[in-house]
Amino acid sequence: MRDRNRNGFTLLELLVVIAVIAVLAGMLFPAIQSVLERAKKVQAKNDLTQIVTAVNAFYTDYGRYPLPASVTADSSATYGPGGSSAENGDLMKELRGISNSLNTRQIVFISPPDAKDQTNPRSGSNTSTGGYYDPWGTEFAIAMDADYDNQITPNPYGNNNGAGASPLRQGAIAWCVGRDKKLGNNGDGKFTGSDDVISWQ
């Protein structure tokens, strides 16, 4: 009779198994988060490379950067967060061939996917504004050499703060502010130790 009653698990044994599973899941969760964050950074780097390639292709075709004629200084040739020109949607519409004010032949230089959630766009384009968003939901920032002196002044991260010297010897650069949505490490403006992603390194 006693042997027949010992076939199942006791409540204590079940609680121990559940506790072990919970501990293992707790140890695994940070590792999964880390892998997902690395994947987002790789995707952001690829998107930034495509943006810079599209801007340079525009320059090759038209002999100028996709900037309004009124923009003559590098500091005012920045699109996206903190930019003085506009949201990056204005630039993306030109690069996608949607607008023809600068891209008169309406050549498609870049074709980002539409974001799955248009009310909270991530990893794609907002169809209403045209803005191109990073995997964390912030617009990419783009700067161009507006005065055509073969450098971008200033470096958005300052001089020798982990993102190179200032000025940058580039025609076009792009960056995103990462998960914390602040330039640099929690808004300090320095690239070293930050979760930001940049195109020029």
C-alpha atoms as a PDB file:
ATOM      1  CA  MET A   1       0.000   0.000   0.000  1.00  0.00           C
ATOM      2  CA  ARG A   2       2.775   2.442   0.872  1.00  0.00           C
ATOM      3  CA  ASP A   3       4.656   1.880  -2.427  1.00  0.00           C
ATOM      4  CA  ARG A   4       1.553   2.720  -4.454  1.00  0.00           C
ATOM      5  CA  ASN A   5       1.247   6.120  -2.745  1.00  0.00           C
ATOM      6  CA  ARG A   6       4.914   7.095  -3.471  1.00  0.00           C
ATOM      7  CA  ASN A   7       4.561   7.279  -7.308  1.00  0.00           C
ATOM      8  CA  GLY A   8       3.953  11.092  -7.529  1.00  0.00           C
ATOM      9  CA  PHE A   9       6.035  14.135  -6.518  1.00  0.00           C
ATOM     10  CA  THR A  10       5.523  15.785  -3.174  1.00  0.00           C
ATOM     11  CA  LEU A  11       4.658  19.458  -2.941  1.00  0.00           C
ATOM     12  CA  LEU A  12       8.107  20.191  -1.543  1.00  0.00           C
ATOM     13  CA  GLU A  13       9.833  18.501  -4.487  1.00  0.00           C
ATOM     14  CA  LEU A  14       7.747  20.514  -6.958  1.00  0.00           C
ATOM     15  CA  LEU A  15       8.573  23.767  -5.171  1.00  0.00           C
ATOM     16  CA  VAL A  16      12.300  22.946  -5.265  1.00  0.00           C
ATOM     17  CA  VAL A  17      12.139  22.234  -9.028  1.00  0.00           C
ATOM     18  CA  ILE A  18      10.229  25.496  -9.665  1.00  0.00           C
ATOM     19  CA  ALA A  19      12.766  27.435  -7.573  1.00  0.00           C
ATOM     20  CA  VAL A  20      15.687  25.936  -9.540  1.00  0.00           C
ATOM     21  CA  ILE A  21      14.011  26.814 -12.855  1.00  0.00           C
ATOM     22  CA  ALA A  22      13.379  30.393 -11.647  1.00  0.00           C
ATOM     23  CA  VAL A  23      17.038  30.809 -10.624  1.00  0.00           C
ATOM     24  CA  LEU A  24      18.266  29.479 -13.982  1.00  0.00           C
ATOM     25  CA  ALA A  25      15.863  31.770 -15.875  1.00  0.00           C
ATOM     26  CA  GLY A  26      17.066  34.726 -13.799  1.00  0.00           C
ATOM     27  CA  MET A  27      20.670  33.935 -14.703  1.00  0.00           C
ATOM     28  CA  LEU A  28      19.831  33.509 -18.396  1.00  0.00           C
ATOM     29  CA  PHE A  29      17.778  36.712 -18.808  1.00  0.00           C
ATOM     30  CA  PRO A  30      20.730  39.180 -18.669  1.00  0.00           C
ATOM     31  CA  ALA A  31      22.633  37.092 -21.215  1.00  0.00           C
ATOM     32  CA  ILE A  32      19.663  37.180 -23.605  1.00  0.00           C
ATOM     33  CA  GLN A  33      19.290  40.949 -23.088  1.00  0.00           C
ATOM     34  CA  SER A  34      22.974  41.429 -23.877  1.00  0.00           C
ATOM     35  CA  VAL A  35      22.696  39.439 -27.118  1.00  0.00           C
ATOM     36  CA  LEU A  36      19.604  41.429 -28.186  1.00  0.00           C
ATOM     37  CA  GLU A  37      21.351  44.734 -27.432  1.00  0.00           C
ATOM     38  CA  ARG A  38      24.384  43.691 -29.504  1.00  0.00           C
ATOM     39  CA  ALA A  39      22.069  42.740 -32.381  1.00  0.00           C
ATOM     40  CA  LYS A  40      20.445  46.191 -32.240  1.00  0.00           C
ATOM     41  CA  LYS A  41      23.871  47.857 -32.360  1.00  0.00           C
ATOM     42  CA  VAL A  42      24.851  45.800 -35.421  1.00  0.00           C
ATOM     43  CA  GLN A  43      21.588  46.742 -37.132  1.00  0.00           C
ATOM     44  CA  ALA A  44      22.097  50.419 -36.272  1.00  0.00           C
ATOM     45  CA  LYS A  45      25.664  50.339 -37.645  1.00  0.00           C
ATOM     46  CA  ASN A  46      24.398  48.816 -40.921  1.00  0.00           C
ATOM     47  CA  ASP A  47      21.660  51.465 -41.190  1.00  0.00           C
ATOM     48  CA  LEU A  48      24.182  54.263 -40.557  1.00  0.00           C
ATOM     49  CA  THR A  49      26.483  52.886 -43.244  1.00  0.00           C
ATOM     50  CA  GLN A  50      23.581  52.840 -45.718  1.00  0.00           C
ATOM     51  CA  ILE A  51      22.667  56.452 -44.877  1.00  0.00           C
ATOM     52  CA  VAL A  52      26.228  57.724 -45.388  1.00  0.00           C
ATOM     53  CA  THR A  53      26.546  55.706 -48.617  1.00  0.00           C
ATOM     54  CA  ALA A  54      23.282  57.239 -49.889  1.00  0.00           C
ATOM     55  CA  VAL A  55      24.430  60.795 -49.063  1.00  0.00           C
ATOM     56  CA  ASN A  56      27.752  60.187 -50.837  1.00  0.00           C
ATOM     57  CA  ALA A  57      25.946  58.681 -53.841  1.00  0.00           C
ATOM     58  CA  PHE A  58      23.791  61.827 -54.005  1.00  0.00           C
ATOM     59  CA  TYR A  59      26.987  63.886 -54.003  1.00  0.00           C
ATOM     60  CA  THR A  60      28.425  61.737 -56.807  1.00  0.00           C
ATOM     61  CA  ASP A  61      25.311  62.181 -58.962  1.00  0.00           C
ATOM     62  CA  TYR A  62      24.577  65.853 -58.325  1.00  0.00           C
ATOM     63  CA  GLY A  63      27.993  67.277 -57.393  1.00  0.00           C
ATOM     64  CA  ARG A  64      26.640  68.590 -54.092  1.00  0.00           C
ATOM     65  CA  TYR A  65      25.246  67.291 -50.807  1.00  0.00           C
ATOM     66  CA  PRO A  66      21.463  67.118 -50.346  1.00  0.00           C
ATOM     67  CA  LEU A  67      21.269  70.452 -48.541  1.00  0.00           C
ATOM     68  CA  PRO A  68      19.202  73.556 -49.230  1.00  0.00           C
ATOM     69  CA  ALA A  69      21.219  76.327 -50.922  1.00  0.00           C
ATOM     70  CA  SER A  70      20.814  78.492 -47.806  1.00  0.00           C
ATOM     71  CA  VAL A  71      22.910  76.091 -45.689  1.00  0.00           C
ATOM     72  CA  THR A  72      26.582  77.028 -45.867  1.00  0.00           C
ATOM     73  CA  ALA A  73      28.025  76.036 -42.487  1.00  0.00           C
ATOM     74  CA  ASP A  74      28.710  72.524 -41.225  1.00  0.00           C
ATOM     75  CA  SER A  75      27.104  73.216 -37.855  1.00  0.00           C
ATOM     76  CA  SER A  76      23.785  74.020 -39.526  1.00  0.00           C
ATOM     77  CA  ALA A  77      23.955  70.971 -41.805  1.00  0.00           C
ATOM     78  CA  THR A  78      22.853  68.461 -39.174  1.00  0.00           C
ATOM     79  CA  TYR A  79      19.606  66.520 -39.479  1.00  0.00           C
ATOM     80  CA  GLY A  80      17.997  64.561 -36.664  1.00  0.00           C
ATOM     81  CA  PRO A  81      18.226  64.896 -32.854  1.00  0.00           C
ATOM     82  CA  GLY A  82      19.898  68.152 -31.901  1.00  0.00           C
ATOM     83  CA  GLY A  83      20.214  69.159 -35.538  1.00  0.00           C
ATOM     84  CA  SER A  84      19.665  72.697 -36.670  1.00  0.00           C
ATOM     85  CA  SER A  85      18.485  71.852 -40.199  1.00  0.00           C
ATOM     86  CA  ALA A  86      15.378  69.758 -39.512  1.00  0.00           C
ATOM     87  CA  GLU A  87      14.179  66.283 -38.732  1.00  0.00           C
ATOM     88  CA  ASN A  88      15.925  63.670 -40.793  1.00  0.00           C
ATOM     89  CA  GLY A  89      12.651  63.042 -42.626  1.00  0.00           C
ATOM     90  CA  ASP A  90      13.339  66.029 -44.919  1.00  0.00           C
ATOM     91  CA  LEU A  91      16.660  64.522 -45.948  1.00  0.00           C
ATOM     92  CA  MET A  92      15.269  60.979 -46.227  1.00  0.00           C
ATOM     93  CA  LYS A  93      12.508  62.143 -48.575  1.00  0.00           C
ATOM     94  CA  GLU A  94      15.194  63.474 -50.910  1.00  0.00           C
ATOM     95  CA  LEU A  95      17.328  60.334 -50.655  1.00  0.00           C
ATOM     96  CA  ARG A  96      14.289  58.094 -51.218  1.00  0.00           C
ATOM     97  CA  GLY A  97      13.242  60.045 -54.312  1.00  0.00           C
ATOM     98  CA  ILE A  98       9.933  61.075 -52.732  1.00  0.00           C
ATOM     99  CA  SER A  99      10.716  64.802 -52.858  1.00  0.00           C
ATOM    100  CA  ASN A 100      12.215  66.432 -55.925  1.00  0.00           C
ATOM    101  CA  SER A 101      13.228  69.833 -54.594  1.00  0.00           C
ATOM    102  CA  LEU A 102      16.893  68.738 -54.397  1.00  0.00           C
ATOM    103  CA  ASN A 103      16.712  65.285 -56.008  1.00  0.00           C
ATOM    104  CA  THR A 104      15.287  66.611 -59.269  1.00  0.00           C
ATOM    105  CA  ARG A 105      15.593  63.275 -61.090  1.00  0.00           C
ATOM    106  CA  GLN A 106      13.983  61.458 -58.128  1.00  0.00           C
ATOM    107  CA  ILE A 107      16.721  58.845 -57.920  1.00  0.00           C
ATOM    108  CA  VAL A 108      16.249  56.329 -55.094  1.00  0.00           C
ATOM    109  CA  PHE A 109      19.496  56.353 -53.094  1.00  0.00           C
ATOM    110  CA  ILE A 110      18.134  54.545 -50.032  1.00  0.00           C
ATOM    111  CA  SER A 111      15.054  52.477 -49.355  1.00  0.00           C
ATOM    112  CA  PRO A 112      14.574  51.873 -45.619  1.00  0.00           C
ATOM    113  CA  PRO A 113      11.767  49.553 -44.532  1.00  0.00           C
ATOM    114  CA  ASP A 114       8.644  51.043 -43.003  1.00  0.00           C
ATOM    115  CA  ALA A 115       8.572  50.743 -39.221  1.00  0.00           C
ATOM    116  CA  LYS A 116       6.107  48.076 -38.042  1.00  0.00           C
ATOM    117  CA  ASP A 117       4.537  50.392 -35.451  1.00  0.00           C
ATOM    118  CA  GLN A 118       4.020  53.811 -37.020  1.00  0.00           C
ATOM    119  CA  THR A 119       2.908  55.394 -33.736  1.00  0.00           C
ATOM    120  CA  ASN A 120       6.190  54.376 -32.049  1.00  0.00           C
ATOM    121  CA  PRO A 121       8.601  53.795 -34.964  1.00  0.00           C
ATOM    122  CA  ARG A 122      11.707  51.660 -34.415  1.00  0.00           C
ATOM    123  CA  SER A 123      14.093  50.235 -36.994  1.00  0.00           C
ATOM    124  CA  GLY A 124      12.508  51.833 -40.001  1.00  0.00           C
ATOM    125  CA  SER A 125      10.839  54.773 -41.619  1.00  0.00           C
ATOM    126  CA  ASN A 126       7.816  56.727 -40.392  1.00  0.00           C
ATOM    127  CA  THR A 127       5.527  56.954 -43.408  1.00  0.00           C
ATOM    128  CA  SER A 128       3.995  60.295 -42.376  1.00  0.00           C
ATOM    129  CA  THR A 129       7.170  62.257 -41.517  1.00  0.00           C
ATOM    130  CA  GLY A 130       9.656  60.259 -43.595  1.00  0.00           C
ATOM    131  CA  GLY A 131      11.988  60.059 -40.582  1.00  0.00           C
ATOM    132  CA  TYR A 132      14.366  57.096 -40.309  1.00  0.00           C
ATOM    133  CA  TYR A 133      14.509  55.641 -36.782  1.00  0.00           C
ATOM    134  CA  ASP A 134      17.084  53.526 -34.968  1.00  0.00           C
ATOM    135  CA  PRO A 135      16.226  50.236 -33.170  1.00  0.00           C
ATOM    136  CA  TRP A 136      15.571  52.161 -29.924  1.00  0.00           C
ATOM    137  CA  GLY A 137      13.059  54.601 -31.461  1.00  0.00           C
ATOM    138  CA  THR A 138      15.121  57.783 -32.006  1.00  0.00           C
ATOM    139  CA  GLU A 139      15.791  59.402 -35.376  1.00  0.00           C
ATOM    140  CA  PHE A 140      19.254  58.912 -36.821  1.00  0.00           C
ATOM    141  CA  ALA A 141      21.358  62.083 -36.894  1.00  0.00           C
ATOM    142  CA  ILE A 142      23.222  63.020 -40.081  1.00  0.00           C
ATOM    143  CA  ALA A 143      25.787  65.777 -40.651  1.00  0.00           C
ATOM    144  CA  MET A 144      27.331  66.899 -43.936  1.00  0.00           C
ATOM    145  CA  ASP A 145      30.238  69.040 -45.060  1.00  0.00           C
ATOM    146  CA  ALA A 146      28.080  72.028 -46.007  1.00  0.00           C
ATOM    147  CA  ASP A 147      30.942  74.429 -46.728  1.00  0.00           C
ATOM    148  CA  TYR A 148      32.819  71.826 -48.836  1.00  0.00           C
ATOM    149  CA  ASP A 149      36.142  72.167 -47.024  1.00  0.00           C
ATOM    150  CA  ASN A 150      36.495  68.370 -46.737  1.00  0.00           C
ATOM    151  CA  GLN A 151      35.744  68.262 -43.012  1.00  0.00           C
ATOM    152  CA  ILE A 152      32.814  68.319 -40.612  1.00  0.00           C
ATOM    153  CA  THR A 153      33.066  70.823 -37.794  1.00  0.00           C
ATOM    154  CA  PRO A 154      32.547  70.150 -34.964  1.00  0.00           C
ATOM    155  CA  ASN A 155      32.687  66.456 -34.136  1.00  0.00           C
ATOM    156  CA  PRO A 156      29.354  65.823 -32.327  1.00  0.00           C
ATOM    157  CA  TYR A 157      31.313  64.162 -29.482  1.00  0.00           C
ATOM    158  CA  GLY A 158      33.948  66.869 -29.129  1.00  0.00           C
ATOM    159  CA  ASN A 159      37.670  66.527 -29.638  1.00  0.00           C
ATOM    160  CA  ASN A 160      39.232  63.148 -28.749  1.00  0.00           C
ATOM    161  CA  ASN A 161      36.366  61.915 -26.535  1.00  0.00           C
ATOM    162  CA  GLY A 162      36.417  58.447 -28.089  1.00  0.00           C
ATOM    163  CA  ALA A 163      34.964  59.358 -31.493  1.00  0.00           C
ATOM    164  CA  GLY A 164      38.045  60.883 -33.105  1.00  0.00           C
ATOM    165  CA  ALA A 165      39.393  64.357 -33.492  1.00  0.00           C
ATOM    166  CA  SER A 166      37.449  67.496 -34.271  1.00  0.00           C
ATOM    167  CA  PRO A 167      37.031  68.414 -37.082  1.00  0.00           C
ATOM    168  CA  LEU A 168      36.295  65.085 -38.776  1.00  0.00           C
ATOM    169  CA  ARG A 169      37.842  64.549 -42.214  1.00  0.00           C
ATOM    170  CA  GLN A 170      34.624  63.200 -43.723  1.00  0.00           C
ATOM    171  CA  GLY A 171      32.044  64.425 -46.196  1.00  0.00           C
ATOM    172  CA  ALA A 172      29.091  62.885 -44.364  1.00  0.00           C
ATOM    173  CA  ILE A 173      28.623  61.199 -41.002  1.00  0.00           C
ATOM    174  CA  ALA A 174      25.697  59.651 -39.156  1.00  0.00           C
ATOM    175  CA  TRP A 175      25.112  58.491 -35.592  1.00  0.00           C
ATOM    176  CA  CYS A 176      22.432  57.333 -33.177  1.00  0.00           C
ATOM    177  CA  VAL A 177      22.177  57.885 -29.445  1.00  0.00           C
ATOM    178  CA  GLY A 178      21.447  54.290 -28.419  1.00  0.00           C
ATOM    179  CA  ARG A 179      19.265  52.866 -25.721  1.00  0.00           C
ATOM    180  CA  ASP A 180      19.521  55.792 -23.263  1.00  0.00           C
ATOM    181  CA  LYS A 181      18.475  58.226 -26.064  1.00  0.00           C
ATOM    182  CA  LYS A 182      21.118  60.735 -24.924  1.00  0.00           C
ATOM    183  CA  LEU A 183      24.281  61.870 -26.686  1.00  0.00           C
ATOM    184  CA  GLY A 184      27.236  60.170 -25.058  1.00  0.00           C
ATOM    185  CA  ASN A 185      27.223  58.317 -21.773  1.00  0.00           C
ATOM    186  CA  ASN A 186      23.907  59.345 -20.192  1.00  0.00           C
ATOM    187  CA  GLY A 187      24.057  62.779 -21.842  1.00  0.00           C
ATOM    188  CA  ASP A 188      27.693  63.731 -21.150  1.00  0.00           C
ATOM    189  CA  GLY A 189      28.437  64.147 -24.880  1.00  0.00           C
ATOM    190  CA  LYS A 190      31.413  61.755 -24.787  1.00  0.00           C
ATOM    191  CA  PHE A 191      31.485  58.644 -26.948  1.00  0.00           C
ATOM    192  CA  THR A 192      33.746  56.609 -24.642  1.00  0.00           C
ATOM    193  CA  GLY A 193      31.656  54.269 -22.494  1.00  0.00           C
ATOM    194  CA  SER A 194      28.400  55.236 -24.218  1.00  0.00           C
ATOM    195  CA  ASP A 195      25.858  53.028 -25.974  1.00  0.00           C
ATOM    196  CA  ASP A 196      25.857  55.296 -29.048  1.00  0.00           C
ATOM    197  CA  VAL A 197      26.633  53.968 -32.541  1.00  0.00           C
ATOM    198  CA  ILE A 198      28.569  56.050 -35.099  1.00  0.00           C
ATOM    199  CA  SER A 199      29.309  55.617 -38.792  1.00  0.00           C
ATOM    200  CA  TRP A 200      32.902  56.834 -38.870  1.00  0.00           C
ATOM    201  CA  GLN A 201      34.562  54.176 -36.706  1.00  0.00           C
END
